N, C-alpha and C. Protein backbone atom coordinates (compact mmCIF):
# COMPACT_ATOMS: atom_id res chain seq x y z
N MET A 1 184.99 -19.68 183.12
CA MET A 1 185.81 -20.74 183.28
C MET A 1 186.13 -20.64 184.87
N GLU A 2 186.19 -21.65 185.55
CA GLU A 2 186.36 -21.68 187.03
C GLU A 2 187.74 -22.26 187.33
N TYR A 3 188.41 -21.52 188.27
CA TYR A 3 189.58 -21.77 188.94
C TYR A 3 189.71 -22.00 190.40
N ASN A 4 190.13 -23.22 190.69
CA ASN A 4 190.05 -23.44 192.40
C ASN A 4 191.71 -23.90 192.44
N ILE A 5 192.47 -22.75 192.83
CA ILE A 5 193.77 -22.81 193.22
C ILE A 5 194.27 -22.72 194.25
N VAL A 6 195.15 -23.29 194.81
CA VAL A 6 195.60 -23.32 196.27
C VAL A 6 197.41 -23.10 196.23
N THR A 7 198.01 -21.88 196.58
CA THR A 7 199.30 -22.00 196.79
C THR A 7 199.84 -21.95 198.35
N VAL A 8 200.77 -22.56 198.91
CA VAL A 8 201.22 -22.58 200.10
C VAL A 8 202.53 -22.26 199.88
N TRP A 9 202.73 -21.05 200.85
CA TRP A 9 204.50 -20.70 201.10
C TRP A 9 204.91 -21.38 202.51
N HIS A 10 206.27 -21.61 202.62
CA HIS A 10 206.72 -21.90 203.64
C HIS A 10 207.82 -20.95 203.83
N ILE A 11 207.89 -19.88 204.81
CA ILE A 11 208.63 -18.83 204.98
C ILE A 11 209.61 -18.83 206.46
N GLU A 12 210.95 -18.86 206.23
CA GLU A 12 211.48 -19.01 207.47
C GLU A 12 211.54 -17.32 208.16
N ALA A 13 210.35 -17.06 208.63
CA ALA A 13 210.11 -15.62 209.40
C ALA A 13 209.12 -15.78 210.40
N PRO A 14 208.83 -14.99 211.06
CA PRO A 14 207.89 -15.05 212.46
C PRO A 14 206.35 -14.64 211.72
N LEU A 15 205.51 -15.53 212.38
CA LEU A 15 204.06 -15.37 211.80
C LEU A 15 203.83 -14.09 211.92
N GLU A 16 203.89 -13.26 213.02
CA GLU A 16 203.37 -11.95 213.20
C GLU A 16 203.76 -10.87 212.00
N THR A 17 204.98 -11.20 211.63
CA THR A 17 205.66 -10.31 210.73
C THR A 17 205.14 -10.66 209.34
N VAL A 18 205.03 -11.89 208.77
CA VAL A 18 204.29 -12.28 207.73
C VAL A 18 202.78 -11.83 207.70
N TYR A 19 202.18 -12.13 208.68
CA TYR A 19 200.79 -11.70 208.54
C TYR A 19 200.53 -10.23 208.64
N GLU A 20 201.48 -9.34 208.98
CA GLU A 20 201.74 -7.97 208.94
C GLU A 20 201.59 -7.57 207.76
N LEU A 21 202.54 -8.00 206.89
CA LEU A 21 202.88 -7.53 205.22
C LEU A 21 201.80 -7.92 204.44
N ILE A 22 201.31 -9.27 204.74
CA ILE A 22 199.99 -9.45 203.90
C ILE A 22 198.87 -8.91 204.09
N SER A 23 198.76 -8.70 205.43
CA SER A 23 197.27 -7.70 205.84
C SER A 23 197.40 -6.44 205.33
N GLN A 24 198.55 -5.78 204.96
CA GLN A 24 198.74 -4.51 204.74
C GLN A 24 198.73 -4.46 203.13
N SER A 25 197.67 -4.93 202.43
CA SER A 25 197.88 -5.20 200.87
C SER A 25 198.22 -3.38 200.30
N LEU A 26 197.38 -2.50 200.76
CA LEU A 26 197.96 -1.38 200.21
C LEU A 26 199.41 -1.22 199.71
N ASN A 27 200.32 -1.92 200.57
CA ASN A 27 201.78 -1.92 200.38
C ASN A 27 202.31 -2.81 199.32
N TRP A 28 201.44 -3.87 198.87
CA TRP A 28 202.19 -4.94 198.18
C TRP A 28 202.83 -4.41 196.81
N PRO A 29 202.24 -3.20 196.05
CA PRO A 29 203.09 -2.89 195.19
C PRO A 29 204.39 -2.43 195.33
N GLN A 30 204.84 -2.05 196.48
CA GLN A 30 206.15 -1.68 196.94
C GLN A 30 206.94 -2.81 196.75
N TRP A 31 206.73 -4.08 197.17
CA TRP A 31 207.58 -5.48 197.07
C TRP A 31 207.24 -6.60 196.29
N TRP A 32 205.85 -6.59 195.84
CA TRP A 32 205.34 -7.56 194.96
C TRP A 32 205.13 -6.87 193.70
N CYS A 33 205.98 -7.34 192.54
CA CYS A 33 206.14 -6.70 191.28
C CYS A 33 204.99 -6.90 190.59
N ASN A 34 204.24 -7.99 190.62
CA ASN A 34 202.95 -8.28 189.80
C ASN A 34 201.59 -7.29 190.14
N VAL A 35 201.64 -6.74 191.43
CA VAL A 35 200.82 -5.84 191.65
C VAL A 35 200.74 -4.75 191.37
N LYS A 36 200.12 -4.24 190.45
CA LYS A 36 200.47 -2.80 189.70
C LYS A 36 200.07 -1.87 190.45
N SER A 37 198.74 -2.05 191.34
CA SER A 37 198.16 -0.95 192.11
C SER A 37 197.28 -1.65 192.80
N VAL A 38 196.67 -0.81 194.14
CA VAL A 38 195.83 -1.25 195.26
C VAL A 38 195.34 0.04 195.64
N GLU A 39 194.03 0.11 195.40
CA GLU A 39 193.11 1.39 195.63
C GLU A 39 192.04 0.94 197.25
N GLU A 40 192.10 1.64 197.93
CA GLU A 40 191.02 1.47 198.76
C GLU A 40 189.71 2.05 198.38
N ILE A 41 188.51 1.36 198.17
CA ILE A 41 187.40 1.93 197.83
C ILE A 41 186.31 2.02 198.95
N ALA A 42 186.47 1.35 200.11
CA ALA A 42 185.58 1.46 201.17
C ALA A 42 186.35 0.96 202.40
N PRO A 43 186.54 1.69 203.69
CA PRO A 43 187.38 1.12 204.82
C PRO A 43 186.94 0.26 205.69
N GLY A 44 185.66 -0.21 205.55
CA GLY A 44 185.35 -1.11 206.34
C GLY A 44 185.22 -0.77 207.70
N ASP A 45 184.57 -1.72 208.81
CA ASP A 45 184.46 -1.29 210.20
C ASP A 45 185.95 -1.47 210.96
N THR A 46 185.96 -1.39 212.20
CA THR A 46 187.18 -0.95 212.91
C THR A 46 187.87 -2.29 212.95
N LYS A 47 187.76 -3.44 212.43
CA LYS A 47 188.17 -4.82 212.40
C LYS A 47 188.52 -5.20 211.16
N GLY A 48 188.15 -4.11 210.13
CA GLY A 48 188.24 -4.40 208.76
C GLY A 48 187.46 -5.27 207.90
N ILE A 49 186.36 -5.62 208.47
CA ILE A 49 185.11 -6.21 207.70
C ILE A 49 184.35 -5.11 207.09
N GLY A 50 184.27 -5.70 205.47
CA GLY A 50 183.62 -4.73 204.81
C GLY A 50 184.48 -3.98 203.92
N ASN A 51 185.76 -3.76 204.41
CA ASN A 51 187.04 -3.19 203.51
C ASN A 51 186.85 -3.62 202.11
N ILE A 52 186.94 -2.86 201.07
CA ILE A 52 186.90 -3.23 199.61
C ILE A 52 188.09 -2.52 199.16
N ARG A 53 189.09 -3.13 198.62
CA ARG A 53 190.24 -2.70 197.86
C ARG A 53 190.00 -3.06 196.34
N ARG A 54 190.45 -2.22 195.37
CA ARG A 54 190.83 -2.57 194.03
C ARG A 54 191.94 -2.89 193.76
N TYR A 55 192.34 -4.35 193.18
CA TYR A 55 193.47 -4.67 192.86
C TYR A 55 193.65 -4.81 191.33
N THR A 56 195.15 -4.41 190.74
CA THR A 56 195.67 -4.38 189.60
C THR A 56 196.70 -5.12 189.27
N TRP A 57 196.31 -6.48 188.81
CA TRP A 57 197.63 -7.42 188.42
C TRP A 57 197.97 -7.91 187.19
N GLN A 58 199.22 -7.92 187.06
CA GLN A 58 199.74 -8.12 185.84
C GLN A 58 200.78 -9.37 185.98
N GLY A 59 200.64 -10.45 185.37
CA GLY A 59 201.99 -11.46 185.39
C GLY A 59 202.57 -11.61 184.13
N VAL A 60 202.94 -12.70 183.63
CA VAL A 60 203.94 -12.51 182.26
C VAL A 60 203.29 -12.25 181.15
N LEU A 61 202.14 -13.04 181.13
CA LEU A 61 201.11 -12.74 179.79
C LEU A 61 200.63 -11.57 179.81
N PRO A 62 200.14 -11.21 178.50
CA PRO A 62 200.03 -9.55 178.12
C PRO A 62 198.58 -9.16 178.53
N TYR A 63 198.25 -9.23 179.60
CA TYR A 63 196.93 -8.73 180.27
C TYR A 63 196.85 -8.40 181.41
N ARG A 64 196.02 -7.61 181.93
CA ARG A 64 195.96 -7.09 183.49
C ARG A 64 194.58 -7.34 183.86
N LEU A 65 194.68 -8.24 185.02
CA LEU A 65 193.33 -8.24 185.83
C LEU A 65 192.82 -7.25 186.92
N ILE A 66 191.63 -6.63 186.98
CA ILE A 66 191.40 -5.89 187.98
C ILE A 66 190.18 -6.31 188.53
N PHE A 67 190.02 -6.35 189.90
CA PHE A 67 189.06 -6.68 190.67
C PHE A 67 189.19 -6.24 192.17
N ASP A 68 188.08 -5.99 192.70
CA ASP A 68 187.76 -5.70 193.93
C ASP A 68 187.80 -7.05 194.78
N ILE A 69 188.02 -6.65 195.97
CA ILE A 69 187.93 -7.65 197.04
C ILE A 69 187.30 -7.08 198.52
N CYS A 70 186.11 -7.70 198.91
CA CYS A 70 185.68 -7.13 200.11
C CYS A 70 185.84 -8.28 201.01
N VAL A 71 186.33 -7.73 202.40
CA VAL A 71 186.75 -8.56 203.26
C VAL A 71 185.42 -8.86 204.07
N THR A 72 185.25 -10.18 204.41
CA THR A 72 184.31 -11.00 204.95
C THR A 72 184.56 -11.53 206.15
N HIS A 73 185.78 -11.67 206.43
CA HIS A 73 186.24 -12.34 207.78
C HIS A 73 187.62 -12.29 207.91
N ILE A 74 187.96 -11.86 209.38
CA ILE A 74 189.49 -11.64 209.85
C ILE A 74 189.28 -12.33 210.97
N GLU A 75 190.46 -13.10 211.29
CA GLU A 75 191.03 -13.53 212.40
C GLU A 75 192.53 -13.32 212.58
N PRO A 76 192.94 -12.16 213.04
CA PRO A 76 194.18 -11.78 213.07
C PRO A 76 195.34 -13.13 213.29
N GLN A 77 196.29 -12.87 212.49
CA GLN A 77 197.30 -13.77 212.40
C GLN A 77 196.69 -15.45 212.12
N VAL A 78 195.54 -15.67 211.83
CA VAL A 78 194.80 -16.86 211.35
C VAL A 78 194.28 -16.93 210.06
N VAL A 79 193.45 -15.91 209.76
CA VAL A 79 192.68 -16.08 208.43
C VAL A 79 192.37 -14.40 207.93
N ILE A 80 192.31 -14.57 206.56
CA ILE A 80 191.74 -13.23 205.85
C ILE A 80 191.05 -13.77 204.76
N GLU A 81 189.66 -13.45 204.64
CA GLU A 81 188.53 -13.97 203.62
C GLU A 81 188.06 -12.78 203.03
N GLY A 82 187.81 -12.83 201.70
CA GLY A 82 187.08 -12.20 200.82
C GLY A 82 186.40 -12.41 199.67
N ILE A 83 185.27 -11.56 199.43
CA ILE A 83 184.51 -11.79 198.17
C ILE A 83 185.09 -10.76 196.89
N VAL A 84 185.49 -11.87 195.87
CA VAL A 84 185.83 -11.17 194.75
C VAL A 84 185.04 -10.83 193.72
N SER A 85 185.12 -9.40 193.00
CA SER A 85 184.19 -9.29 191.84
C SER A 85 185.19 -8.46 191.02
N GLY A 86 184.56 -8.38 189.73
CA GLY A 86 185.33 -7.51 188.79
C GLY A 86 185.80 -8.47 187.72
N ASP A 87 187.11 -8.46 187.08
CA ASP A 87 187.28 -9.45 186.04
C ASP A 87 187.33 -10.96 186.70
N LEU A 88 187.30 -11.14 187.70
CA LEU A 88 187.32 -12.34 188.29
C LEU A 88 186.13 -12.23 189.41
N GLU A 89 185.18 -13.32 189.62
CA GLU A 89 184.41 -13.46 190.84
C GLU A 89 184.49 -14.64 191.21
N GLY A 90 184.24 -14.50 192.84
CA GLY A 90 184.48 -15.55 193.80
C GLY A 90 184.73 -15.36 195.21
N TYR A 91 186.11 -16.07 195.51
CA TYR A 91 186.20 -16.31 197.02
C TYR A 91 187.97 -16.35 196.87
N GLY A 92 188.24 -15.57 197.91
CA GLY A 92 189.87 -15.98 198.15
C GLY A 92 189.92 -15.82 199.51
N ARG A 93 190.92 -16.70 200.22
CA ARG A 93 191.33 -16.68 201.71
C ARG A 93 192.75 -17.12 201.90
N TRP A 94 193.30 -16.18 202.85
CA TRP A 94 194.78 -16.12 203.07
C TRP A 94 194.56 -16.96 204.65
N SER A 95 195.33 -17.81 204.76
CA SER A 95 195.43 -18.41 206.30
C SER A 95 196.79 -18.60 206.54
N PHE A 96 197.28 -18.62 207.92
CA PHE A 96 198.27 -18.50 208.22
C PHE A 96 198.40 -19.93 209.46
N SER A 97 199.76 -19.92 209.58
CA SER A 97 199.96 -21.01 210.79
C SER A 97 201.54 -20.87 210.86
N SER A 98 201.78 -21.79 211.97
CA SER A 98 203.66 -21.73 211.94
C SER A 98 204.14 -22.99 212.83
N HIS A 99 205.34 -23.14 212.40
CA HIS A 99 205.89 -24.39 212.95
C HIS A 99 207.28 -24.05 213.37
N GLU A 100 207.58 -24.12 214.49
CA GLU A 100 208.73 -23.64 214.88
C GLU A 100 209.17 -22.03 214.37
N THR A 101 210.36 -22.08 213.53
CA THR A 101 210.96 -20.69 213.00
C THR A 101 210.16 -20.46 211.76
N MET A 102 209.09 -21.29 211.22
CA MET A 102 208.70 -21.17 209.82
C MET A 102 207.02 -20.72 209.79
N THR A 103 206.79 -19.79 208.96
CA THR A 103 205.27 -19.41 208.78
C THR A 103 204.85 -20.20 207.68
N ILE A 104 203.81 -20.90 207.65
CA ILE A 104 202.99 -21.35 206.63
C ILE A 104 201.95 -20.51 206.11
N VAL A 105 201.92 -20.03 204.88
CA VAL A 105 200.97 -19.01 204.21
C VAL A 105 200.14 -19.82 203.31
N ARG A 106 198.96 -19.80 203.22
CA ARG A 106 198.17 -20.80 202.46
C ARG A 106 197.00 -19.77 201.83
N TYR A 107 197.20 -19.57 200.22
CA TYR A 107 196.13 -18.88 199.85
C TYR A 107 195.17 -19.87 198.81
N GLU A 108 193.91 -19.59 199.05
CA GLU A 108 192.96 -20.45 198.26
C GLU A 108 192.20 -19.43 197.53
N TRP A 109 192.18 -19.88 196.35
CA TRP A 109 191.38 -18.88 195.18
C TRP A 109 190.70 -19.52 194.46
N LEU A 110 189.20 -19.34 194.68
CA LEU A 110 188.27 -20.21 193.91
C LEU A 110 187.49 -19.03 193.24
N VAL A 111 187.59 -19.00 191.89
CA VAL A 111 186.99 -17.64 191.32
C VAL A 111 186.58 -18.21 189.74
N ARG A 112 186.00 -17.51 189.12
CA ARG A 112 185.91 -17.69 187.83
C ARG A 112 185.96 -16.34 186.79
N THR A 113 186.25 -16.44 185.67
CA THR A 113 186.63 -15.27 184.87
C THR A 113 185.34 -14.52 184.27
N THR A 114 185.55 -13.66 184.29
CA THR A 114 184.17 -12.74 183.96
C THR A 114 184.23 -12.34 182.25
N SER A 115 185.45 -12.24 181.94
CA SER A 115 185.97 -11.13 180.66
C SER A 115 185.45 -12.39 179.50
N PHE A 116 185.05 -11.86 178.40
CA PHE A 116 184.36 -12.59 177.47
C PHE A 116 185.60 -13.30 176.81
N TRP A 117 186.63 -12.46 176.53
CA TRP A 117 187.88 -13.22 175.81
C TRP A 117 188.56 -14.40 176.40
N MET A 118 188.78 -14.28 177.94
CA MET A 118 189.02 -15.16 178.55
C MET A 118 188.02 -16.54 178.43
N ASN A 119 186.93 -16.45 178.61
CA ASN A 119 185.88 -17.30 178.38
C ASN A 119 185.77 -18.13 177.14
N LEU A 120 185.97 -17.20 176.20
CA LEU A 120 185.92 -17.62 174.68
C LEU A 120 187.25 -18.62 174.61
N LEU A 121 188.17 -18.34 175.10
CA LEU A 121 189.44 -19.27 174.82
C LEU A 121 189.57 -20.16 175.98
N GLU A 122 188.67 -20.56 176.80
CA GLU A 122 188.93 -21.23 177.98
C GLU A 122 189.44 -22.52 177.79
N LEU A 123 189.38 -23.32 176.49
CA LEU A 123 190.30 -24.53 176.64
C LEU A 123 191.82 -24.34 176.43
N PHE A 124 192.14 -23.12 175.61
CA PHE A 124 193.38 -23.07 175.15
C PHE A 124 194.14 -22.02 176.28
N ALA A 125 193.14 -21.16 176.95
CA ALA A 125 193.67 -20.19 177.75
C ALA A 125 193.56 -20.67 179.28
N TYR A 126 192.79 -21.82 179.70
CA TYR A 126 193.18 -22.35 181.09
C TYR A 126 194.36 -22.83 181.56
N PRO A 127 195.25 -23.50 180.84
CA PRO A 127 196.37 -23.84 181.57
C PRO A 127 197.58 -22.69 181.62
N LEU A 128 197.32 -21.84 180.54
CA LEU A 128 198.33 -20.72 180.71
C LEU A 128 197.96 -19.89 181.74
N ILE A 129 196.69 -19.53 182.13
CA ILE A 129 195.97 -18.69 183.01
C ILE A 129 196.63 -19.31 184.56
N LYS A 130 196.43 -20.65 184.37
CA LYS A 130 196.91 -21.30 185.78
C LYS A 130 198.55 -21.21 185.84
N TRP A 131 199.16 -21.38 185.09
CA TRP A 131 200.48 -21.21 184.97
C TRP A 131 200.87 -19.75 185.25
N ASN A 132 200.40 -18.70 184.85
CA ASN A 132 200.70 -17.31 184.99
C ASN A 132 200.32 -16.99 186.39
N HIS A 133 199.29 -17.63 186.83
CA HIS A 133 199.10 -17.49 188.61
C HIS A 133 199.85 -17.88 189.18
N ASN A 134 200.33 -19.22 189.13
CA ASN A 134 201.31 -19.92 190.08
C ASN A 134 202.80 -19.12 189.54
N LEU A 135 202.96 -18.66 188.75
CA LEU A 135 204.28 -17.76 188.75
C LEU A 135 204.16 -16.52 189.31
N VAL A 136 203.08 -16.10 189.40
CA VAL A 136 202.79 -14.67 190.04
C VAL A 136 202.75 -15.07 191.56
N MET A 137 202.37 -16.09 191.92
CA MET A 137 202.30 -16.41 193.48
C MET A 137 203.78 -16.81 193.91
N ARG A 138 204.63 -17.69 192.94
CA ARG A 138 205.79 -17.96 193.28
C ARG A 138 206.62 -16.51 193.39
N GLN A 139 206.47 -15.52 192.55
CA GLN A 139 207.37 -14.13 192.56
C GLN A 139 206.88 -13.66 193.88
N GLY A 140 205.69 -13.67 194.36
CA GLY A 140 205.16 -13.08 195.53
C GLY A 140 205.77 -13.63 196.78
N GLY A 141 205.87 -14.98 196.88
CA GLY A 141 206.78 -15.61 197.98
C GLY A 141 207.80 -15.16 197.86
N LYS A 142 208.76 -15.26 196.97
CA LYS A 142 210.01 -14.69 196.79
C LYS A 142 210.21 -13.37 197.35
N ALA A 143 209.28 -12.53 196.93
CA ALA A 143 209.42 -11.25 197.17
C ALA A 143 209.08 -10.89 198.72
N LEU A 144 208.14 -11.47 199.48
CA LEU A 144 207.84 -11.42 200.61
C LEU A 144 209.16 -11.98 201.49
N ALA A 145 209.88 -12.87 201.33
CA ALA A 145 210.89 -13.46 201.66
C ALA A 145 212.11 -12.40 201.56
N HIS A 146 212.35 -11.94 200.44
CA HIS A 146 213.47 -10.84 200.19
C HIS A 146 212.80 -9.58 201.01
N LYS A 147 211.66 -9.23 201.00
CA LYS A 147 211.21 -7.99 201.99
C LYS A 147 211.58 -8.10 203.37
N LEU A 148 211.37 -9.43 203.97
CA LEU A 148 211.50 -9.73 205.32
C LEU A 148 212.84 -10.16 205.66
N ASN A 149 214.09 -10.03 204.80
CA ASN A 149 215.13 -10.58 204.79
C ASN A 149 215.57 -11.96 205.20
N SER A 150 214.65 -12.62 204.71
CA SER A 150 214.50 -14.33 205.28
C SER A 150 214.39 -15.28 204.06
N ARG A 151 214.27 -16.32 204.39
CA ARG A 151 214.14 -17.31 203.18
C ARG A 151 212.75 -18.22 203.10
N LEU A 152 212.49 -18.33 201.67
CA LEU A 152 211.44 -18.67 201.03
C LEU A 152 212.00 -20.28 201.03
N ILE A 153 211.39 -21.12 201.79
CA ILE A 153 211.79 -22.61 201.76
C ILE A 153 211.10 -23.21 200.95
N GLN A 154 209.90 -23.41 200.63
CA GLN A 154 209.32 -23.98 199.67
C GLN A 154 207.84 -23.43 199.15
N VAL A 155 207.52 -23.26 197.99
CA VAL A 155 205.99 -23.02 197.27
C VAL A 155 205.71 -24.14 196.86
N ALA A 156 204.04 -24.76 197.07
CA ALA A 156 203.37 -25.49 196.18
C ALA A 156 202.20 -24.86 195.74
N HIS A 157 201.50 -25.48 194.64
CA HIS A 157 200.64 -25.14 193.91
C HIS A 157 199.66 -26.52 193.86
N TYR A 158 198.39 -26.30 194.34
CA TYR A 158 197.67 -27.22 194.15
C TYR A 158 196.26 -26.87 193.32
N SER A 159 195.63 -27.65 192.36
CA SER A 159 194.47 -27.35 191.63
C SER A 159 193.59 -28.41 192.11
N ARG A 160 192.32 -28.10 192.27
CA ARG A 160 191.35 -28.86 192.72
C ARG A 160 190.40 -28.79 191.49
C-alpha cells in the first residue's frame, strides 16, 4: 500500500534552532516519545550525503516500524531528503521556511509498506496507519515545541 502524506508544523521558534534539532535525528529519542531508537549505519560524506540511519518508531497502534533512511540531498535550513528502505520503502523530505518569528516545517512522506501483514490488511489498515502517522507527527510537533520552550501554533496533515 502506498502512502503520500504531508505534515506541516508552524512553530514559534527561530528557523536555525528548529533545523538544528530536526537535522540531529540521533537525538530524537530524547525528546520525541514515538522514536524508540536511531542508529547510525553509515556516516556519509562531510555534508551528510550518504548518511544512513536506522529508525525504530512506535505510535499508538501495537506495532513498530524499522527502516533506514539514506540522505540524498541537504541544503542547510532549507531541505533534507532521503530514500527509505526496510518496513517502508520510498522517499521522505523535510523542508524549512520562516515567516517573522515562526518556522514552518513541512514533512513529505511518499512510502509504501513492505510487510506482508500490512499489505494483506490494506483496506482495513490504511486509515488506521494514516491516523497513527498523523498522531505521531502531531506528538512530534508538540515535543519539538516543548524542547524549544516555544509554542506549536498549528499542525496540518494532507494526503494525496
